[in-house]
Amino acid sequence: MKDDGIRYRYVASDKAPEWWLQSLEADVGPIKVVSQEKAEQADLVVCVFADAEPVFFDDDIFTVCADCGRAIRHRPHAPKKPPKVCINCALQRLEQENHHGDV
């Protein structure tokens, strides 16, 4: 699926042309493709564990989860403002939101 490879390369790149973002269908499954400016308004950035395999990129940024302190990694063009959290903490936040919504 050559087209998907090209499509996802743009999703993983900060160099995606604006015309491409505007012409792309807004949703890629549960992932919504947005501009870098809009991404900076996100509530959080969900990151993989630092030791997750396989490693696809040599330029990943290594840091720690804003909630639990576990080592994580993310792409260098990830939004700067939102807190970076591991998948476990992201799921905990989601569960808490859902629980509070049920009250």
N, C-alpha and C. Protein backbone atom coordinates (compact mmCIF):
# COMPACT_ATOMS: atom_id res chain seq x y z
N MET A 1 0.84 -1.18 0.00
CA MET A 1 0.00 0.00 0.00
C MET A 1 0.88 1.25 0.00
N LYS A 2 1.41 1.55 -1.12
CA LYS A 2 2.31 2.68 -1.26
C LYS A 2 1.64 3.99 -0.84
N ASP A 3 0.41 4.19 -1.18
CA ASP A 3 -0.28 5.44 -0.84
C ASP A 3 -0.34 5.65 0.66
N ASP A 4 -0.62 4.58 1.45
CA ASP A 4 -0.66 4.71 2.89
C ASP A 4 0.70 5.06 3.45
N GLY A 5 1.77 4.50 2.88
CA GLY A 5 3.12 4.83 3.33
C GLY A 5 3.40 6.31 3.17
N ILE A 6 3.00 6.87 2.06
CA ILE A 6 3.18 8.30 1.82
C ILE A 6 2.30 9.09 2.78
N ARG A 7 1.09 8.66 2.96
CA ARG A 7 0.14 9.34 3.83
C ARG A 7 0.66 9.39 5.27
N TYR A 8 1.14 8.25 5.80
CA TYR A 8 1.59 8.21 7.18
C TYR A 8 2.94 8.90 7.36
N ARG A 9 3.74 8.96 6.32
CA ARG A 9 4.99 9.71 6.42
C ARG A 9 4.67 11.17 6.70
N TYR A 10 3.65 11.71 6.04
CA TYR A 10 3.25 13.09 6.31
C TYR A 10 2.72 13.25 7.73
N VAL A 11 1.92 12.28 8.19
CA VAL A 11 1.40 12.37 9.55
C VAL A 11 2.55 12.41 10.54
N ALA A 12 3.64 11.70 10.26
CA ALA A 12 4.78 11.64 11.16
C ALA A 12 5.81 12.72 10.85
N SER A 13 5.46 13.73 10.10
CA SER A 13 6.41 14.75 9.70
C SER A 13 5.88 16.14 10.00
N ASP A 14 6.78 17.02 10.43
CA ASP A 14 6.37 18.41 10.67
C ASP A 14 6.41 19.20 9.37
N LYS A 15 6.75 18.55 8.28
CA LYS A 15 6.86 19.23 7.00
C LYS A 15 5.66 18.96 6.09
N ALA A 16 4.58 18.45 6.64
CA ALA A 16 3.40 18.19 5.83
C ALA A 16 2.89 19.50 5.26
N PRO A 17 2.75 19.58 3.94
CA PRO A 17 2.27 20.82 3.35
C PRO A 17 0.84 21.13 3.77
N GLU A 18 0.55 22.40 3.93
CA GLU A 18 -0.77 22.83 4.38
C GLU A 18 -1.87 22.32 3.45
N TRP A 19 -1.62 22.34 2.13
CA TRP A 19 -2.63 21.85 1.20
C TRP A 19 -2.95 20.39 1.44
N TRP A 20 -1.92 19.63 1.84
CA TRP A 20 -2.13 18.21 2.11
C TRP A 20 -3.00 18.03 3.35
N LEU A 21 -2.71 18.79 4.41
CA LEU A 21 -3.50 18.70 5.64
C LEU A 21 -4.95 19.06 5.36
N GLN A 22 -5.16 20.09 4.54
CA GLN A 22 -6.52 20.52 4.24
C GLN A 22 -7.26 19.52 3.36
N SER A 23 -6.54 18.84 2.47
CA SER A 23 -7.19 17.91 1.55
C SER A 23 -7.39 16.53 2.18
N LEU A 24 -6.65 16.23 3.24
CA LEU A 24 -6.74 14.93 3.88
C LEU A 24 -8.06 14.80 4.60
N GLU A 25 -8.65 13.65 4.51
CA GLU A 25 -9.84 13.36 5.30
C GLU A 25 -9.42 13.56 6.76
N ALA A 26 -10.20 14.27 7.55
CA ALA A 26 -9.82 14.70 8.90
C ALA A 26 -9.50 13.54 9.84
N ASP A 27 -10.11 12.39 9.65
CA ASP A 27 -9.89 11.29 10.57
C ASP A 27 -9.19 10.12 9.91
N VAL A 28 -8.17 9.61 10.60
CA VAL A 28 -7.47 8.40 10.19
C VAL A 28 -7.72 7.41 11.32
N GLY A 29 -8.85 6.72 11.25
CA GLY A 29 -9.26 5.88 12.38
C GLY A 29 -9.51 6.78 13.57
N PRO A 30 -8.95 6.43 14.74
CA PRO A 30 -9.16 7.27 15.92
C PRO A 30 -8.22 8.47 15.97
N ILE A 31 -7.35 8.61 14.97
CA ILE A 31 -6.38 9.70 14.94
C ILE A 31 -6.91 10.83 14.08
N LYS A 32 -6.88 12.02 14.62
CA LYS A 32 -7.32 13.18 13.86
C LYS A 32 -6.08 13.97 13.44
N VAL A 33 -5.94 14.24 12.17
CA VAL A 33 -4.81 14.99 11.65
C VAL A 33 -5.15 16.47 11.72
N VAL A 34 -4.29 17.23 12.41
CA VAL A 34 -4.52 18.67 12.59
C VAL A 34 -3.22 19.41 12.33
N SER A 35 -3.33 20.72 12.23
CA SER A 35 -2.13 21.55 12.05
C SER A 35 -1.30 21.55 13.33
N GLN A 36 -0.05 21.96 13.21
CA GLN A 36 0.83 22.03 14.38
C GLN A 36 0.27 23.01 15.41
N GLU A 37 -0.30 24.12 14.94
CA GLU A 37 -0.86 25.12 15.86
C GLU A 37 -2.02 24.52 16.67
N LYS A 38 -2.87 23.78 16.01
CA LYS A 38 -4.00 23.16 16.70
C LYS A 38 -3.52 22.05 17.65
N ALA A 39 -2.48 21.34 17.25
CA ALA A 39 -1.94 20.28 18.09
C ALA A 39 -1.41 20.83 19.41
N GLU A 40 -0.92 22.05 19.39
CA GLU A 40 -0.41 22.67 20.62
C GLU A 40 -1.52 22.89 21.65
N GLN A 41 -2.77 22.81 21.24
CA GLN A 41 -3.91 22.99 22.14
C GLN A 41 -4.40 21.66 22.73
N ALA A 42 -3.74 20.57 22.41
CA ALA A 42 -4.16 19.25 22.90
C ALA A 42 -4.04 19.17 24.42
N ASP A 43 -4.83 18.30 25.02
CA ASP A 43 -4.77 18.10 26.46
C ASP A 43 -3.51 17.35 26.89
N LEU A 44 -3.02 16.48 26.02
CA LEU A 44 -1.81 15.70 26.33
C LEU A 44 -1.28 15.06 25.06
N VAL A 45 -0.06 14.56 25.15
CA VAL A 45 0.56 13.80 24.07
C VAL A 45 0.83 12.41 24.63
N VAL A 46 0.24 11.39 24.02
CA VAL A 46 0.45 10.01 24.47
C VAL A 46 1.72 9.48 23.81
N CYS A 47 2.63 9.00 24.64
CA CYS A 47 3.94 8.55 24.16
C CYS A 47 4.16 7.07 24.45
N VAL A 48 5.06 6.46 23.70
CA VAL A 48 5.42 5.06 23.94
C VAL A 48 6.47 5.00 25.03
N PHE A 49 6.59 3.84 25.65
CA PHE A 49 7.63 3.63 26.64
C PHE A 49 8.99 3.73 25.95
N ALA A 50 9.98 4.23 26.65
CA ALA A 50 11.31 4.43 26.06
C ALA A 50 11.91 3.12 25.56
N ASP A 51 11.58 2.01 26.20
CA ASP A 51 12.16 0.73 25.81
C ASP A 51 11.28 -0.08 24.85
N ALA A 52 10.22 0.55 24.32
CA ALA A 52 9.32 -0.14 23.39
C ALA A 52 10.07 -0.53 22.12
N GLU A 53 9.75 -1.68 21.60
CA GLU A 53 10.35 -2.18 20.36
C GLU A 53 9.24 -2.34 19.32
N PRO A 54 9.52 -2.20 18.07
CA PRO A 54 10.79 -1.78 17.49
C PRO A 54 10.95 -0.26 17.55
N VAL A 55 12.17 0.17 17.36
CA VAL A 55 12.48 1.59 17.29
C VAL A 55 12.56 1.95 15.81
N PHE A 56 11.70 2.86 15.37
CA PHE A 56 11.64 3.20 13.95
C PHE A 56 12.50 4.41 13.60
N PHE A 57 12.74 5.30 14.56
CA PHE A 57 13.42 6.56 14.27
C PHE A 57 14.61 6.77 15.21
N ASP A 58 15.71 7.25 14.67
CA ASP A 58 16.91 7.52 15.47
C ASP A 58 16.84 8.85 16.21
N ASP A 59 15.91 9.73 15.80
CA ASP A 59 15.87 11.07 16.38
C ASP A 59 14.75 11.26 17.40
N ASP A 60 14.20 10.16 17.94
CA ASP A 60 13.17 10.29 18.97
C ASP A 60 13.71 11.07 20.17
N ILE A 61 12.81 11.74 20.85
CA ILE A 61 13.15 12.49 22.06
C ILE A 61 12.80 11.62 23.26
N PHE A 62 13.75 11.46 24.17
CA PHE A 62 13.53 10.67 25.38
C PHE A 62 13.28 11.62 26.54
N THR A 63 12.24 11.30 27.31
CA THR A 63 11.86 12.12 28.45
C THR A 63 11.16 11.22 29.46
N VAL A 64 10.44 11.82 30.40
CA VAL A 64 9.70 11.03 31.38
C VAL A 64 8.23 11.42 31.36
N CYS A 65 7.37 10.50 31.74
CA CYS A 65 5.93 10.74 31.79
C CYS A 65 5.64 11.84 32.81
N ALA A 66 4.81 12.79 32.42
CA ALA A 66 4.45 13.92 33.29
C ALA A 66 3.66 13.45 34.51
N ASP A 67 3.02 12.28 34.44
CA ASP A 67 2.21 11.80 35.56
C ASP A 67 2.96 10.85 36.48
N CYS A 68 3.62 9.84 35.91
CA CYS A 68 4.23 8.79 36.75
C CYS A 68 5.75 8.78 36.75
N GLY A 69 6.37 9.50 35.82
CA GLY A 69 7.83 9.57 35.78
C GLY A 69 8.52 8.44 35.03
N ARG A 70 7.75 7.54 34.41
CA ARG A 70 8.35 6.45 33.64
C ARG A 70 9.02 7.01 32.39
N ALA A 71 10.10 6.38 31.96
CA ALA A 71 10.82 6.80 30.76
C ALA A 71 9.95 6.57 29.52
N ILE A 72 9.82 7.60 28.68
CA ILE A 72 9.02 7.55 27.46
C ILE A 72 9.80 8.20 26.33
N ARG A 73 9.27 8.06 25.11
CA ARG A 73 9.87 8.74 23.96
C ARG A 73 8.76 9.23 23.04
N HIS A 74 9.11 10.29 22.28
CA HIS A 74 8.17 10.84 21.32
C HIS A 74 8.95 11.43 20.16
N ARG A 75 8.25 11.78 19.11
CA ARG A 75 8.87 12.37 17.93
C ARG A 75 9.26 13.82 18.21
N PRO A 76 10.30 14.32 17.57
CA PRO A 76 10.77 15.69 17.85
C PRO A 76 9.77 16.77 17.47
N HIS A 77 8.85 16.49 16.57
CA HIS A 77 7.87 17.50 16.18
C HIS A 77 6.56 17.39 16.95
N ALA A 78 6.53 16.58 18.01
CA ALA A 78 5.32 16.49 18.84
C ALA A 78 5.04 17.87 19.44
N PRO A 79 3.80 18.16 19.72
CA PRO A 79 3.47 19.46 20.31
C PRO A 79 4.30 19.71 21.58
N LYS A 80 4.74 20.95 21.76
CA LYS A 80 5.61 21.30 22.89
C LYS A 80 4.84 21.57 24.18
N LYS A 81 3.68 22.22 24.10
CA LYS A 81 2.94 22.65 25.29
C LYS A 81 2.27 21.53 26.07
N PRO A 82 1.54 20.62 25.43
CA PRO A 82 0.82 19.61 26.21
C PRO A 82 1.77 18.69 26.97
N PRO A 83 1.34 18.20 28.14
CA PRO A 83 2.18 17.26 28.88
C PRO A 83 2.33 15.95 28.10
N LYS A 84 3.51 15.36 28.19
CA LYS A 84 3.77 14.06 27.55
C LYS A 84 3.52 12.99 28.61
N VAL A 85 2.66 12.03 28.29
CA VAL A 85 2.33 10.97 29.24
C VAL A 85 2.44 9.61 28.58
N CYS A 86 2.71 8.58 29.39
CA CYS A 86 2.77 7.21 28.87
C CYS A 86 1.36 6.71 28.61
N ILE A 87 1.26 5.63 27.89
CA ILE A 87 -0.05 5.07 27.53
C ILE A 87 -0.84 4.67 28.77
N ASN A 88 -0.17 4.14 29.79
CA ASN A 88 -0.87 3.73 31.01
C ASN A 88 -1.53 4.93 31.69
N CYS A 89 -0.80 6.03 31.80
CA CYS A 89 -1.36 7.23 32.43
C CYS A 89 -2.45 7.86 31.57
N ALA A 90 -2.30 7.79 30.26
CA ALA A 90 -3.35 8.30 29.37
C ALA A 90 -4.64 7.51 29.58
N LEU A 91 -4.52 6.19 29.71
CA LEU A 91 -5.70 5.36 29.96
C LEU A 91 -6.31 5.66 31.32
N GLN A 92 -5.47 5.89 32.33
CA GLN A 92 -5.98 6.25 33.66
C GLN A 92 -6.75 7.56 33.60
N ARG A 93 -6.21 8.54 32.87
CA ARG A 93 -6.91 9.82 32.73
C ARG A 93 -8.26 9.63 32.05
N LEU A 94 -8.28 8.79 31.01
CA LEU A 94 -9.52 8.52 30.30
C LEU A 94 -10.54 7.85 31.21
N GLU A 95 -10.09 6.87 31.99
CA GLU A 95 -10.98 6.19 32.93
C GLU A 95 -11.54 7.18 33.95
N GLN A 96 -10.70 8.08 34.45
CA GLN A 96 -11.15 9.08 35.42
C GLN A 96 -12.19 10.01 34.79
N GLU A 97 -11.94 10.43 33.56
CA GLU A 97 -12.91 11.29 32.87
C GLU A 97 -14.23 10.56 32.69
N ASN A 98 -14.18 9.31 32.28
CA ASN A 98 -15.39 8.53 32.07
C ASN A 98 -16.12 8.29 33.38
N HIS A 99 -15.38 8.06 34.45
CA HIS A 99 -15.98 7.83 35.76
C HIS A 99 -16.69 9.08 36.25
N HIS A 100 -16.04 10.22 36.11
CA HIS A 100 -16.64 11.50 36.54
C HIS A 100 -17.85 11.85 35.69
N GLY A 101 -17.83 11.43 34.44
CA GLY A 101 -18.97 11.71 33.55
C GLY A 101 -20.19 10.87 33.89
N ASP A 102 -19.97 9.71 34.55
CA ASP A 102 -21.08 8.83 34.90
C ASP A 102 -21.81 9.25 36.17
N VAL A 103 -21.21 10.15 36.94
CA VAL A 103 -21.80 10.55 38.23
C VAL A 103 -23.05 11.34 38.02
